[in-house]
Amino acid sequence: MIYLHSDRGSATIWSLALTFMLLLGGFVAMATGQVAVARQQVSTAMDLAALAGAQSGGQSCDQAQLVAQANGALLNTCYLDSGDVFVSGTVPAPGLLERLFGFLGQPLAGIGASARAGQPEQ
């Protein structure tokens, strides 16, 4: 008597599915970490740029631009309002996400932040 087993070879399919899920989980964890690092980088760069602009004399935005570039960020806006310096800028998107979205045909903008700093009150 011959028995036909319908689940023959299913371990291969299950192991491939498990491997795919582990790789996908690793990819998501790595992308999340890269975004968190980029967000912290742009936030720090904008804080430093705003402080540099507030401490400089008459060329606040020029000084903020230099500090932002030195920290790897692009300064998008800078303006003075009642003695306070307002800045906003971006850093490029992490390489892994930029390549993924580029492959999908969707351009990915940078990660942005803004900051405000002023002279201390006397």
PDB file of N, CA and C in Angstrom:
ATOM      1  N   MET A   1       0.833  -1.155   0.000  1.00  0.00           N
ATOM      2  CA  MET A   1       0.000   0.000   0.000  1.00  0.00           C
ATOM      3  C   MET A   1       0.896   1.242   0.000  1.00  0.00           C
ATOM      4  N   ILE A   2       0.575   2.208  -0.870  1.00  0.00           N
ATOM      5  CA  ILE A   2       1.361   3.430  -0.999  1.00  0.00           C
ATOM      6  C   ILE A   2       0.587   4.568  -0.357  1.00  0.00           C
ATOM      7  N   TYR A   3       1.305   5.283   0.546  1.00  0.00           N
ATOM      8  CA  TYR A   3       0.695   6.444   1.202  1.00  0.00           C
ATOM      9  C   TYR A   3       1.260   7.716   0.583  1.00  0.00           C
ATOM     10  N   LEU A   4       0.409   8.596   0.186  1.00  0.00           N
ATOM     11  CA  LEU A   4       0.838   9.879  -0.355  1.00  0.00           C
ATOM     12  C   LEU A   4       0.721  10.923   0.746  1.00  0.00           C
ATOM     13  N   HIS A   5       1.821  11.596   1.013  1.00  0.00           N
ATOM     14  CA  HIS A   5       1.820  12.630   2.044  1.00  0.00           C
ATOM     15  C   HIS A   5       1.742  14.001   1.372  1.00  0.00           C
ATOM     16  N   SER A   6       0.683  14.705   1.651  1.00  0.00           N
ATOM     17  CA  SER A   6       0.473  15.993   0.986  1.00  0.00           C
ATOM     18  C   SER A   6       1.364  17.098   1.550  1.00  0.00           C
ATOM     19  N   ASP A   7       1.952  16.874   2.740  1.00  0.00           N
ATOM     20  CA  ASP A   7       2.772  17.932   3.319  1.00  0.00           C
ATOM     21  C   ASP A   7       4.268  17.683   3.100  1.00  0.00           C
ATOM     22  N   ARG A   8       4.604  16.839   2.201  1.00  0.00           N
ATOM     23  CA  ARG A   8       6.004  16.537   1.926  1.00  0.00           C
ATOM     24  C   ARG A   8       6.691  17.773   1.333  1.00  0.00           C
ATOM     25  N   GLY A   9       7.828  18.181   1.926  1.00  0.00           N
ATOM     26  CA  GLY A   9       8.562  19.349   1.478  1.00  0.00           C
ATOM     27  C   GLY A   9       8.075  20.658   2.079  1.00  0.00           C
ATOM     28  N   SER A  10       7.138  20.623   2.999  1.00  0.00           N
ATOM     29  CA  SER A  10       6.610  21.865   3.565  1.00  0.00           C
ATOM     30  C   SER A  10       7.609  22.529   4.515  1.00  0.00           C
ATOM     31  N   ALA A  11       8.548  21.770   5.067  1.00  0.00           N
ATOM     32  CA  ALA A  11       9.551  22.365   5.956  1.00  0.00           C
ATOM     33  C   ALA A  11      10.407  23.377   5.206  1.00  0.00           C
ATOM     34  N   THR A  12      10.668  23.148   3.947  1.00  0.00           N
ATOM     35  CA  THR A  12      11.440  24.088   3.141  1.00  0.00           C
ATOM     36  C   THR A  12      10.688  25.403   2.995  1.00  0.00           C
ATOM     37  N   ILE A  13       9.409  25.312   2.715  1.00  0.00           N
ATOM     38  CA  ILE A  13       8.590  26.517   2.563  1.00  0.00           C
ATOM     39  C   ILE A  13       8.528  27.287   3.868  1.00  0.00           C
ATOM     40  N   TRP A  14       8.324  26.577   4.980  1.00  0.00           N
ATOM     41  CA  TRP A  14       8.247  27.237   6.280  1.00  0.00           C
ATOM     42  C   TRP A  14       9.581  27.877   6.667  1.00  0.00           C
ATOM     43  N   SER A  15      10.684  27.228   6.381  1.00  0.00           N
ATOM     44  CA  SER A  15      11.984  27.803   6.720  1.00  0.00           C
ATOM     45  C   SER A  15      12.284  29.027   5.857  1.00  0.00           C
ATOM     46  N   LEU A  16      11.885  28.994   4.592  1.00  0.00           N
ATOM     47  CA  LEU A  16      12.054  30.169   3.744  1.00  0.00           C
ATOM     48  C   LEU A  16      11.192  31.334   4.227  1.00  0.00           C
ATOM     49  N   ALA A  17       9.979  31.048   4.629  1.00  0.00           N
ATOM     50  CA  ALA A  17       9.088  32.089   5.138  1.00  0.00           C
ATOM     51  C   ALA A  17       9.642  32.689   6.431  1.00  0.00           C
ATOM     52  N   LEU A  18      10.147  31.852   7.318  1.00  0.00           N
ATOM     53  CA  LEU A  18      10.722  32.330   8.564  1.00  0.00           C
ATOM     54  C   LEU A  18      11.965  33.178   8.297  1.00  0.00           C
ATOM     55  N   THR A  19      12.808  32.745   7.380  1.00  0.00           N
ATOM     56  CA  THR A  19      14.004  33.509   7.024  1.00  0.00           C
ATOM     57  C   THR A  19      13.617  34.866   6.454  1.00  0.00           C
ATOM     58  N   PHE A  20      12.630  34.895   5.590  1.00  0.00           N
ATOM     59  CA  PHE A  20      12.163  36.160   5.024  1.00  0.00           C
ATOM     60  C   PHE A  20      11.649  37.084   6.117  1.00  0.00           C
ATOM     61  N   MET A  21      10.881  36.563   7.052  1.00  0.00           N
ATOM     62  CA  MET A  21      10.337  37.384   8.133  1.00  0.00           C
ATOM     63  C   MET A  21      11.451  37.926   9.029  1.00  0.00           C
ATOM     64  N   LEU A  22      12.461  37.131   9.305  1.00  0.00           N
ATOM     65  CA  LEU A  22      13.592  37.604  10.108  1.00  0.00           C
ATOM     66  C   LEU A  22      14.367  38.697   9.378  1.00  0.00           C
ATOM     67  N   LEU A  23      14.583  38.533   8.093  1.00  0.00           N
ATOM     68  CA  LEU A  23      15.265  39.561   7.310  1.00  0.00           C
ATOM     69  C   LEU A  23      14.444  40.850   7.258  1.00  0.00           C
ATOM     70  N   LEU A  24      13.156  40.726   7.078  1.00  0.00           N
ATOM     71  CA  LEU A  24      12.282  41.896   7.055  1.00  0.00           C
ATOM     72  C   LEU A  24      12.306  42.617   8.401  1.00  0.00           C
ATOM     73  N   GLY A  25      12.257  41.880   9.486  1.00  0.00           N
ATOM     74  CA  GLY A  25      12.327  42.476  10.819  1.00  0.00           C
ATOM     75  C   GLY A  25      13.656  43.194  11.042  1.00  0.00           C
ATOM     76  N   GLY A  26      14.739  42.602  10.583  1.00  0.00           N
ATOM     77  CA  GLY A  26      16.043  43.246  10.695  1.00  0.00           C
ATOM     78  C   GLY A  26      16.118  44.518   9.874  1.00  0.00           C
ATOM     79  N   PHE A  27      15.542  44.489   8.682  1.00  0.00           N
ATOM     80  CA  PHE A  27      15.518  45.675   7.829  1.00  0.00           C
ATOM     81  C   PHE A  27      14.735  46.803   8.493  1.00  0.00           C
ATOM     82  N   VAL A  28      13.587  46.497   9.051  1.00  0.00           N
ATOM     83  CA  VAL A  28      12.761  47.518   9.707  1.00  0.00           C
ATOM     84  C   VAL A  28      13.495  48.089  10.924  1.00  0.00           C
ATOM     85  N   ALA A  29      14.139  47.226  11.704  1.00  0.00           N
ATOM     86  CA  ALA A  29      14.879  47.702  12.873  1.00  0.00           C
ATOM     87  C   ALA A  29      16.040  48.600  12.455  1.00  0.00           C
ATOM     88  N   MET A  30      16.750  48.234  11.415  1.00  0.00           N
ATOM     89  CA  MET A  30      17.874  49.024  10.953  1.00  0.00           C
ATOM     90  C   MET A  30      17.399  50.376  10.402  1.00  0.00           C
ATOM     91  N   ALA A  31      16.324  50.384   9.635  1.00  0.00           N
ATOM     92  CA  ALA A  31      15.792  51.634   9.085  1.00  0.00           C
ATOM     93  C   ALA A  31      15.301  52.552  10.201  1.00  0.00           C
ATOM     94  N   THR A  32      14.655  51.995  11.207  1.00  0.00           N
ATOM     95  CA  THR A  32      14.180  52.787  12.337  1.00  0.00           C
ATOM     96  C   THR A  32      15.349  53.413  13.084  1.00  0.00           C
ATOM     97  N   GLY A  33      16.406  52.663  13.278  1.00  0.00           N
ATOM     98  CA  GLY A  33      17.592  53.189  13.939  1.00  0.00           C
ATOM     99  C   GLY A  33      18.244  54.300  13.147  1.00  0.00           C
ATOM    100  N   GLN A  34      18.317  54.149  11.834  1.00  0.00           N
ATOM    101  CA  GLN A  34      18.912  55.186  10.998  1.00  0.00           C
ATOM    102  C   GLN A  34      18.089  56.472  11.030  1.00  0.00           C
ATOM    103  N   VAL A  35      16.783  56.360  11.039  1.00  0.00           N
ATOM    104  CA  VAL A  35      15.926  57.545  11.107  1.00  0.00           C
ATOM    105  C   VAL A  35      16.089  58.236  12.455  1.00  0.00           C
ATOM    106  N   ALA A  36      16.184  57.467  13.530  1.00  0.00           N
ATOM    107  CA  ALA A  36      16.362  58.056  14.859  1.00  0.00           C
ATOM    108  C   ALA A  36      17.689  58.812  14.959  1.00  0.00           C
ATOM    109  N   VAL A  37      18.740  58.252  14.395  1.00  0.00           N
ATOM    110  CA  VAL A  37      20.044  58.923  14.415  1.00  0.00           C
ATOM    111  C   VAL A  37      20.006  60.199  13.576  1.00  0.00           C
ATOM    112  N   ALA A  38      19.397  60.139  12.399  1.00  0.00           N
ATOM    113  CA  ALA A  38      19.303  61.327  11.540  1.00  0.00           C
ATOM    114  C   ALA A  38      18.458  62.414  12.202  1.00  0.00           C
ATOM    115  N   ARG A  39      17.393  62.031  12.866  1.00  0.00           N
ATOM    116  CA  ARG A  39      16.529  63.004  13.552  1.00  0.00           C
ATOM    117  C   ARG A  39      17.305  63.694  14.670  1.00  0.00           C
ATOM    118  N   GLN A  40      18.087  62.945  15.408  1.00  0.00           N
ATOM    119  CA  GLN A  40      18.888  63.533  16.474  1.00  0.00           C
ATOM    120  C   GLN A  40      19.969  64.448  15.904  1.00  0.00           C
ATOM    121  N   GLN A  41      20.555  64.057  14.783  1.00  0.00           N
ATOM    122  CA  GLN A  41      21.594  64.864  14.147  1.00  0.00           C
ATOM    123  C   GLN A  41      21.038  66.212  13.699  1.00  0.00           C
ATOM    124  N   VAL A  42      19.904  66.218  13.031  1.00  0.00           N
ATOM    125  CA  VAL A  42      19.347  67.477  12.547  1.00  0.00           C
ATOM    126  C   VAL A  42      18.856  68.338  13.707  1.00  0.00           C
ATOM    127  N   SER A  43      18.322  67.723  14.738  1.00  0.00           N
ATOM    128  CA  SER A  43      17.866  68.488  15.895  1.00  0.00           C
ATOM    129  C   SER A  43      19.043  69.177  16.595  1.00  0.00           C
ATOM    130  N   THR A  44      20.128  68.456  16.767  1.00  0.00           N
ATOM    131  CA  THR A  44      21.326  69.030  17.386  1.00  0.00           C
ATOM    132  C   THR A  44      21.916  70.129  16.514  1.00  0.00           C
ATOM    133  N   ALA A  45      21.980  69.903  15.211  1.00  0.00           N
ATOM    134  CA  ALA A  45      22.536  70.903  14.302  1.00  0.00           C
ATOM    135  C   ALA A  45      21.716  72.186  14.325  1.00  0.00           C
ATOM    136  N   MET A  46      20.402  72.080  14.370  1.00  0.00           N
ATOM    137  CA  MET A  46      19.563  73.280  14.389  1.00  0.00           C
ATOM    138  C   MET A  46      19.659  74.001  15.733  1.00  0.00           C
ATOM    139  N   ASP A  47      19.756  73.255  16.821  1.00  0.00           N
ATOM    140  CA  ASP A  47      19.949  73.892  18.125  1.00  0.00           C
ATOM    141  C   ASP A  47      21.253  74.687  18.155  1.00  0.00           C
ATOM    142  N   LEU A  48      22.325  74.071  17.664  1.00  0.00           N
ATOM    143  CA  LEU A  48      23.617  74.758  17.646  1.00  0.00           C
ATOM    144  C   LEU A  48      23.605  75.957  16.707  1.00  0.00           C
ATOM    145  N   ALA A  49      22.943  75.822  15.567  1.00  0.00           N
ATOM    146  CA  ALA A  49      22.861  76.939  14.618  1.00  0.00           C
ATOM    147  C   ALA A  49      22.091  78.108  15.222  1.00  0.00           C
ATOM    148  N   ALA A  50      21.004  77.824  15.909  1.00  0.00           N
ATOM    149  CA  ALA A  50      20.221  78.889  16.531  1.00  0.00           C
ATOM    150  C   ALA A  50      21.027  79.573  17.636  1.00  0.00           C
ATOM    151  N   LEU A  51      21.737  78.802  18.429  1.00  0.00           N
ATOM    152  CA  LEU A  51      22.565  79.397  19.477  1.00  0.00           C
ATOM    153  C   LEU A  51      23.686  80.249  18.891  1.00  0.00           C
ATOM    154  N   ALA A  52      24.318  79.763  17.828  1.00  0.00           N
ATOM    155  CA  ALA A  52      25.385  80.534  17.191  1.00  0.00           C
ATOM    156  C   ALA A  52      24.836  81.827  16.603  1.00  0.00           C
ATOM    157  N   GLY A  53      23.661  81.753  16.004  1.00  0.00           N
ATOM    158  CA  GLY A  53      23.050  82.959  15.445  1.00  0.00           C
ATOM    159  C   GLY A  53      22.684  83.954  16.527  1.00  0.00           C
ATOM    160  N   ALA A  54      22.213  83.477  17.668  1.00  0.00           N
ATOM    161  CA  ALA A  54      21.814  84.368  18.754  1.00  0.00           C
ATOM    162  C   ALA A  54      23.026  85.021  19.411  1.00  0.00           C
ATOM    163  N   GLN A  55      24.159  84.347  19.428  1.00  0.00           N
ATOM    164  CA  GLN A  55      25.344  84.888  20.084  1.00  0.00           C
ATOM    165  C   GLN A  55      26.168  85.790  19.175  1.00  0.00           C
ATOM    166  N   SER A  56      25.964  85.691  17.874  1.00  0.00           N
ATOM    167  CA  SER A  56      26.748  86.527  16.962  1.00  0.00           C
ATOM    168  C   SER A  56      26.164  87.939  16.942  1.00  0.00           C
ATOM    169  N   GLY A  57      26.949  88.834  16.422  1.00  0.00           N
ATOM    170  CA  GLY A  57      26.522  90.239  16.403  1.00  0.00           C
ATOM    171  C   GLY A  57      25.450  90.516  15.374  1.00  0.00           C
ATOM    172  N   GLY A  58      25.859  91.063  14.230  1.00  0.00           N
ATOM    173  CA  GLY A  58      24.890  91.484  13.239  1.00  0.00           C
ATOM    174  C   GLY A  58      24.635  90.483  12.138  1.00  0.00           C
ATOM    175  N   GLN A  59      25.419  89.444  12.048  1.00  0.00           N
ATOM    176  CA  GLN A  59      25.274  88.473  10.964  1.00  0.00           C
ATOM    177  C   GLN A  59      24.786  87.135  11.515  1.00  0.00           C
ATOM    178  N   SER A  60      23.633  87.151  12.118  1.00  0.00           N
ATOM    179  CA  SER A  60      23.114  85.961  12.796  1.00  0.00           C
ATOM    180  C   SER A  60      22.900  84.794  11.842  1.00  0.00           C
ATOM    181  N   CYS A  61      22.258  85.050  10.717  1.00  0.00           N
ATOM    182  CA  CYS A  61      21.939  83.956   9.802  1.00  0.00           C
ATOM    183  C   CYS A  61      23.177  83.415   9.098  1.00  0.00           C
ATOM    184  N   ASP A  62      24.161  84.281   8.849  1.00  0.00           N
ATOM    185  CA  ASP A  62      25.405  83.798   8.253  1.00  0.00           C
ATOM    186  C   ASP A  62      26.128  82.842   9.202  1.00  0.00           C
ATOM    187  N   GLN A  63      26.158  83.213  10.459  1.00  0.00           N
ATOM    188  CA  GLN A  63      26.805  82.359  11.463  1.00  0.00           C
ATOM    189  C   GLN A  63      26.018  81.062  11.637  1.00  0.00           C
ATOM    190  N   ALA A  64      24.703  81.138  11.639  1.00  0.00           N
ATOM    191  CA  ALA A  64      23.874  79.932  11.760  1.00  0.00           C
ATOM    192  C   ALA A  64      24.098  79.003  10.574  1.00  0.00           C
ATOM    193  N   GLN A  65      24.242  79.576   9.381  1.00  0.00           N
ATOM    194  CA  GLN A  65      24.501  78.771   8.175  1.00  0.00           C
ATOM    195  C   GLN A  65      25.817  78.016   8.295  1.00  0.00           C
ATOM    196  N   LEU A  66      26.853  78.687   8.770  1.00  0.00           N
ATOM    197  CA  LEU A  66      28.160  78.037   8.923  1.00  0.00           C
ATOM    198  C   LEU A  66      28.108  76.882   9.923  1.00  0.00           C
ATOM    199  N   VAL A  67      27.438  77.106  11.030  1.00  0.00           N
ATOM    200  CA  VAL A  67      27.347  76.063  12.056  1.00  0.00           C
ATOM    201  C   VAL A  67      26.511  74.886  11.556  1.00  0.00           C
ATOM    202  N   ALA A  68      25.434  75.155  10.855  1.00  0.00           N
ATOM    203  CA  ALA A  68      24.602  74.071  10.323  1.00  0.00           C
ATOM    204  C   ALA A  68      25.390  73.229   9.327  1.00  0.00           C
ATOM    205  N   GLN A  69      26.128  73.876   8.434  1.00  0.00           N
ATOM    206  CA  GLN A  69      26.931  73.132   7.460  1.00  0.00           C
ATOM    207  C   GLN A  69      28.021  72.327   8.137  1.00  0.00           C
ATOM    208  N   ALA A  70      28.629  72.886   9.173  1.00  0.00           N
ATOM    209  CA  ALA A  70      29.681  72.167   9.897  1.00  0.00           C
ATOM    210  C   ALA A  70      29.143  70.914  10.576  1.00  0.00           C
ATOM    211  N   ASN A  71      27.852  70.899  10.862  1.00  0.00           N
ATOM    212  CA  ASN A  71      27.232  69.741  11.505  1.00  0.00           C
ATOM    213  C   ASN A  71      26.478  68.853  10.526  1.00  0.00           C
ATOM    214  N   GLY A  72      26.682  69.052   9.233  1.00  0.00           N
ATOM    215  CA  GLY A  72      26.111  68.172   8.226  1.00  0.00           C
ATOM    216  C   GLY A  72      24.660  68.429   7.883  1.00  0.00           C
ATOM    217  N   ALA A  73      24.158  69.616   8.186  1.00  0.00           N
ATOM    218  CA  ALA A  73      22.758  69.942   7.904  1.00  0.00           C
ATOM    219  C   ALA A  73      22.683  71.081   6.892  1.00  0.00           C
ATOM    220  N   LEU A  74      21.555  71.172   6.238  1.00  0.00           N
ATOM    221  CA  LEU A  74      21.282  72.253   5.293  1.00  0.00           C
ATOM    222  C   LEU A  74      20.287  73.204   5.946  1.00  0.00           C
ATOM    223  N   LEU A  75      20.677  74.462   6.083  1.00  0.00           N
ATOM    224  CA  LEU A  75      19.807  75.458   6.698  1.00  0.00           C
ATOM    225  C   LEU A  75      18.796  75.937   5.660  1.00  0.00           C
ATOM    226  N   ASN A  76      17.510  75.715   5.915  1.00  0.00           N
ATOM    227  CA  ASN A  76      16.457  76.102   4.974  1.00  0.00           C
ATOM    228  C   ASN A  76      15.964  77.521   5.214  1.00  0.00           C
ATOM    229  N   THR A  77      15.651  77.841   6.454  1.00  0.00           N
ATOM    230  CA  THR A  77      15.165  79.178   6.778  1.00  0.00           C
ATOM    231  C   THR A  77      15.878  79.697   8.008  1.00  0.00           C
ATOM    232  N   CYS A  78      16.034  81.001   8.045  1.00  0.00           N
ATOM    233  CA  CYS A  78      16.625  81.675   9.198  1.00  0.00           C
ATOM    234  C   CYS A  78      16.062  83.087   9.217  1.00  0.00           C
ATOM    235  N   TYR A  79      15.538  83.500  10.366  1.00  0.00           N
ATOM    236  CA  TYR A  79      15.057  84.872  10.483  1.00  0.00           C
ATOM    237  C   TYR A  79      15.112  85.311  11.936  1.00  0.00           C
ATOM    238  N   LEU A  80      15.124  86.625  12.099  1.00  0.00           N
ATOM    239  CA  LEU A  80      15.163  87.244  13.423  1.00  0.00           C
ATOM    240  C   LEU A  80      13.787  87.796  13.754  1.00  0.00           C
ATOM    241  N   ASP A  81      13.381  87.617  15.003  1.00  0.00           N
ATOM    242  CA  ASP A  81      12.106  88.161  15.450  1.00  0.00           C
ATOM    243  C   ASP A  81      12.246  88.562  16.913  1.00  0.00           C
ATOM    244  N   SER A  82      12.196  89.830  17.168  1.00  0.00           N
ATOM    245  CA  SER A  82      12.306  90.372  18.536  1.00  0.00           C
ATOM    246  C   SER A  82      13.563  89.891  19.248  1.00  0.00           C
ATOM    247  N   GLY A  83      14.661  89.832  18.544  1.00  0.00           N
ATOM    248  CA  GLY A  83      15.922  89.421  19.154  1.00  0.00           C
ATOM    249  C   GLY A  83      16.144  87.924  19.193  1.00  0.00           C
ATOM    250  N   ASP A  84      15.165  87.134  18.815  1.00  0.00           N
ATOM    251  CA  ASP A  84      15.303  85.681  18.771  1.00  0.00           C
ATOM    252  C   ASP A  84      15.652  85.241  17.352  1.00  0.00           C
ATOM    253  N   VAL A  85      16.440  84.199  17.259  1.00  0.00           N
ATOM    254  CA  VAL A  85      16.817  83.635  15.965  1.00  0.00           C
ATOM    255  C   VAL A  85      16.021  82.347  15.773  1.00  0.00           C
ATOM    256  N   PHE A  86      15.285  82.260  14.675  1.00  0.00           N
ATOM    257  CA  PHE A  86      14.525  81.072  14.326  1.00  0.00           C
ATOM    258  C   PHE A  86      15.197  80.413  13.125  1.00  0.00           C
ATOM    259  N   VAL A  87      15.496  79.116  13.222  1.00  0.00           N
ATOM    260  CA  VAL A  87      16.127  78.389  12.124  1.00  0.00           C
ATOM    261  C   VAL A  87      15.377  77.083  11.886  1.00  0.00           C
ATOM    262  N   SER A  88      15.427  76.616  10.658  1.00  0.00           N
ATOM    263  CA  SER A  88      14.941  75.276  10.331  1.00  0.00           C
ATOM    264  C   SER A  88      15.829  74.720   9.234  1.00  0.00           C
ATOM    265  N   GLY A  89      16.001  73.418   9.255  1.00  0.00           N
ATOM    266  CA  GLY A  89      16.877  72.804   8.274  1.00  0.00           C
ATOM    267  C   GLY A  89      16.640  71.311   8.168  1.00  0.00           C
ATOM    268  N   THR A  90      17.414  70.687   7.294  1.00  0.00           N
ATOM    269  CA  THR A  90      17.257  69.262   7.033  1.00  0.00           C
ATOM    270  C   THR A  90      18.618  68.580   6.929  1.00  0.00           C
ATOM    271  N   VAL A  91      18.594  67.283   7.100  1.00  0.00           N
ATOM    272  CA  VAL A  91      19.721  66.418   6.752  1.00  0.00           C
ATOM    273  C   VAL A  91      19.193  65.419   5.724  1.00  0.00           C
ATOM    274  N   PRO A  92      20.076  64.889   4.892  1.00  0.00           N
ATOM    275  CA  PRO A  92      19.600  63.907   3.909  1.00  0.00           C
ATOM    276  C   PRO A  92      18.999  62.674   4.589  1.00  0.00           C
ATOM    277  N   ALA A  93      18.076  62.057   3.914  1.00  0.00           N
ATOM    278  CA  ALA A  93      17.477  60.828   4.434  1.00  0.00           C
ATOM    279  C   ALA A  93      18.537  59.735   4.516  1.00  0.00           C
ATOM    280  N   PRO A  94      18.403  58.822   5.475  1.00  0.00           N
ATOM    281  CA  PRO A  94      19.365  57.723   5.562  1.00  0.00           C
ATOM    282  C   PRO A  94      19.462  56.956   4.247  1.00  0.00           C
ATOM    283  N   GLY A  95      20.657  56.497   3.918  1.00  0.00           N
ATOM    284  CA  GLY A  95      20.924  55.861   2.630  1.00  0.00           C
ATOM    285  C   GLY A  95      20.033  54.680   2.324  1.00  0.00           C
ATOM    286  N   LEU A  96      19.763  53.845   3.328  1.00  0.00           N
ATOM    287  CA  LEU A  96      18.943  52.657   3.112  1.00  0.00           C
ATOM    288  C   LEU A  96      17.530  53.032   2.680  1.00  0.00           C
ATOM    289  N   LEU A  97      16.939  53.985   3.370  1.00  0.00           N
ATOM    290  CA  LEU A  97      15.576  54.401   3.014  1.00  0.00           C
ATOM    291  C   LEU A  97      15.546  55.157   1.701  1.00  0.00           C
ATOM    292  N   GLU A  98      16.586  55.974   1.459  1.00  0.00           N
ATOM    293  CA  GLU A  98      16.630  56.729   0.219  1.00  0.00           C
ATOM    294  C   GLU A  98      16.697  55.789  -0.985  1.00  0.00           C
ATOM    295  N   ARG A  99      17.491  54.729  -0.861  1.00  0.00           N
ATOM    296  CA  ARG A  99      17.583  53.761  -1.959  1.00  0.00           C
ATOM    297  C   ARG A  99      16.275  52.996  -2.146  1.00  0.00           C
ATOM    298  N   LEU A 100      15.642  52.625  -1.045  1.00  0.00           N
ATOM    299  CA  LEU A 100      14.383  51.887  -1.137  1.00  0.00           C
ATOM    300  C   LEU A 100      13.305  52.732  -1.798  1.00  0.00           C
ATOM    301  N   PHE A 101      13.143  53.972  -1.337  1.00  0.00           N
ATOM    302  CA  PHE A 101      12.108  54.824  -1.916  1.00  0.00           C
ATOM    303  C   PHE A 101      12.465  55.226  -3.342  1.00  0.00           C
ATOM    304  N   GLY A 102      13.753  55.391  -3.638  1.00  0.00           N
ATOM    305  CA  GLY A 102      14.174  55.673  -4.998  1.00  0.00           C
ATOM    306  C   GLY A 102      13.854  54.517  -5.929  1.00  0.00           C
ATOM    307  N   PHE A 103      14.032  53.297  -5.435  1.00  0.00           N
ATOM    308  CA  PHE A 103      13.700  52.102  -6.212  1.00  0.00           C
ATOM    309  C   PHE A 103      12.205  52.045  -6.501  1.00  0.00           C
ATOM    310  N   LEU A 104      11.409  52.508  -5.540  1.00  0.00           N
ATOM    311  CA  LEU A 104       9.953  52.515  -5.704  1.00  0.00           C
ATOM    312  C   LEU A 104       9.458  53.711  -6.501  1.00  0.00           C
ATOM    313  N   GLY A 105      10.375  54.627  -6.863  1.00  0.00           N
ATOM    314  CA  GLY A 105       9.993  55.780  -7.668  1.00  0.00           C
ATOM    315  C   GLY A 105       9.456  56.946  -6.871  1.00  0.00           C
ATOM    316  N   GLN A 106       9.626  56.927  -5.565  1.00  0.00           N
ATOM    317  CA  GLN A 106       9.150  58.009  -4.715  1.00  0.00           C
ATOM    318  C   GLN A 106      10.352  58.763  -4.152  1.00  0.00           C
ATOM    319  N   PRO A 107      10.529  60.033  -4.495  1.00  0.00           N
ATOM    320  CA  PRO A 107      11.645  60.779  -3.914  1.00  0.00           C
ATOM    321  C   PRO A 107      11.422  60.966  -2.417  1.00  0.00           C
ATOM    322  N   LEU A 108      12.485  60.894  -1.673  1.00  0.00           N
ATOM    323  CA  LEU A 108      12.400  61.011  -0.218  1.00  0.00           C
ATOM    324  C   LEU A 108      13.088  62.297   0.216  1.00  0.00           C
ATOM    325  N   ALA A 109      12.334  63.178   0.831  1.00  0.00           N
ATOM    326  CA  ALA A 109      12.909  64.430   1.323  1.00  0.00           C
ATOM    327  C   ALA A 109      13.755  64.143   2.550  1.00  0.00           C
ATOM    328  N   GLY A 110      14.546  65.116   2.928  1.00  0.00           N
ATOM    329  CA  GLY A 110      15.376  64.956   4.109  1.00  0.00           C
ATOM    330  C   GLY A 110      14.553  65.003   5.387  1.00  0.00           C
ATOM    331  N   ILE A 111      15.224  64.766   6.486  1.00  0.00           N
ATOM    332  CA  ILE A 111      14.588  64.812   7.797  1.00  0.00           C
ATOM    333  C   ILE A 111      14.845  66.192   8.376  1.00  0.00           C
ATOM    334  N   GLY A 112      13.802  66.865   8.819  1.00  0.00           N
ATOM    335  CA  GLY A 112      13.921  68.260   9.219  1.00  0.00           C
ATOM    336  C   GLY A 112      13.656  68.505  10.692  1.00  0.00           C
ATOM    337  N   ALA A 113      14.112  69.678  11.135  1.00  0.00           N
ATOM    338  CA  ALA A 113      13.869  70.136  12.500  1.00  0.00           C
ATOM    339  C   ALA A 113      13.978  71.647  12.505  1.00  0.00           C
ATOM    340  N   SER A 114      13.523  72.255  13.578  1.00  0.00           N
ATOM    341  CA  SER A 114      13.635  73.688  13.731  1.00  0.00           C
ATOM    342  C   SER A 114      14.033  74.000  15.165  1.00  0.00           C
ATOM    343  N   ALA A 115      14.538  75.219  15.371  1.00  0.00           N
ATOM    344  CA  ALA A 115      14.966  75.631  16.715  1.00  0.00           C
ATOM    345  C   ALA A 115      14.854  77.145  16.830  1.00  0.00           C
ATOM    346  N   ARG A 116      14.852  77.609  18.067  1.00  0.00           N
ATOM    347  CA  ARG A 116      14.781  79.035  18.355  1.00  0.00           C
ATOM    348  C   ARG A 116      15.722  79.318  19.507  1.00  0.00           C
ATOM    349  N   ALA A 117      16.452  80.424  19.413  1.00  0.00           N
ATOM    350  CA  ALA A 117      17.338  80.839  20.492  1.00  0.00           C
ATOM    351  C   ALA A 117      17.367  82.357  20.540  1.00  0.00           C
ATOM    352  N   GLY A 118      17.604  82.889  21.707  1.00  0.00           N
ATOM    353  CA  GLY A 118      17.674  84.342  21.884  1.00  0.00           C
ATOM    354  C   GLY A 118      18.698  84.714  22.916  1.00  0.00           C
ATOM    355  N   GLN A 119      18.888  86.008  23.084  1.00  0.00           N
ATOM    356  CA  GLN A 119      19.811  86.518  24.094  1.00  0.00           C
ATOM    357  C   GLN A 119      19.215  86.287  25.472  1.00  0.00           C
ATOM    358  N   PRO A 120      20.044  85.952  26.428  1.00  0.00           N
ATOM    359  CA  PRO A 120      19.522  85.781  27.792  1.00  0.00           C
ATOM    360  C   PRO A 120      19.008  87.119  28.351  1.00  0.00           C
ATOM    361  N   GLU A 121      17.992  87.034  29.162  1.00  0.00           N
ATOM    362  CA  GLU A 121      17.415  88.248  29.736  1.00  0.00           C
ATOM    363  C   GLU A 121      18.319  88.755  30.844  1.00  0.00           C
ATOM    364  N   GLN A 122      18.462  90.067  30.916  1.00  0.00           N
ATOM    365  CA  GLN A 122      19.357  90.689  31.898  1.00  0.00           C
ATOM    366  C   GLN A 122      18.658  90.867  33.223  1.00  0.00           C
TER     367      GLN A 122
END
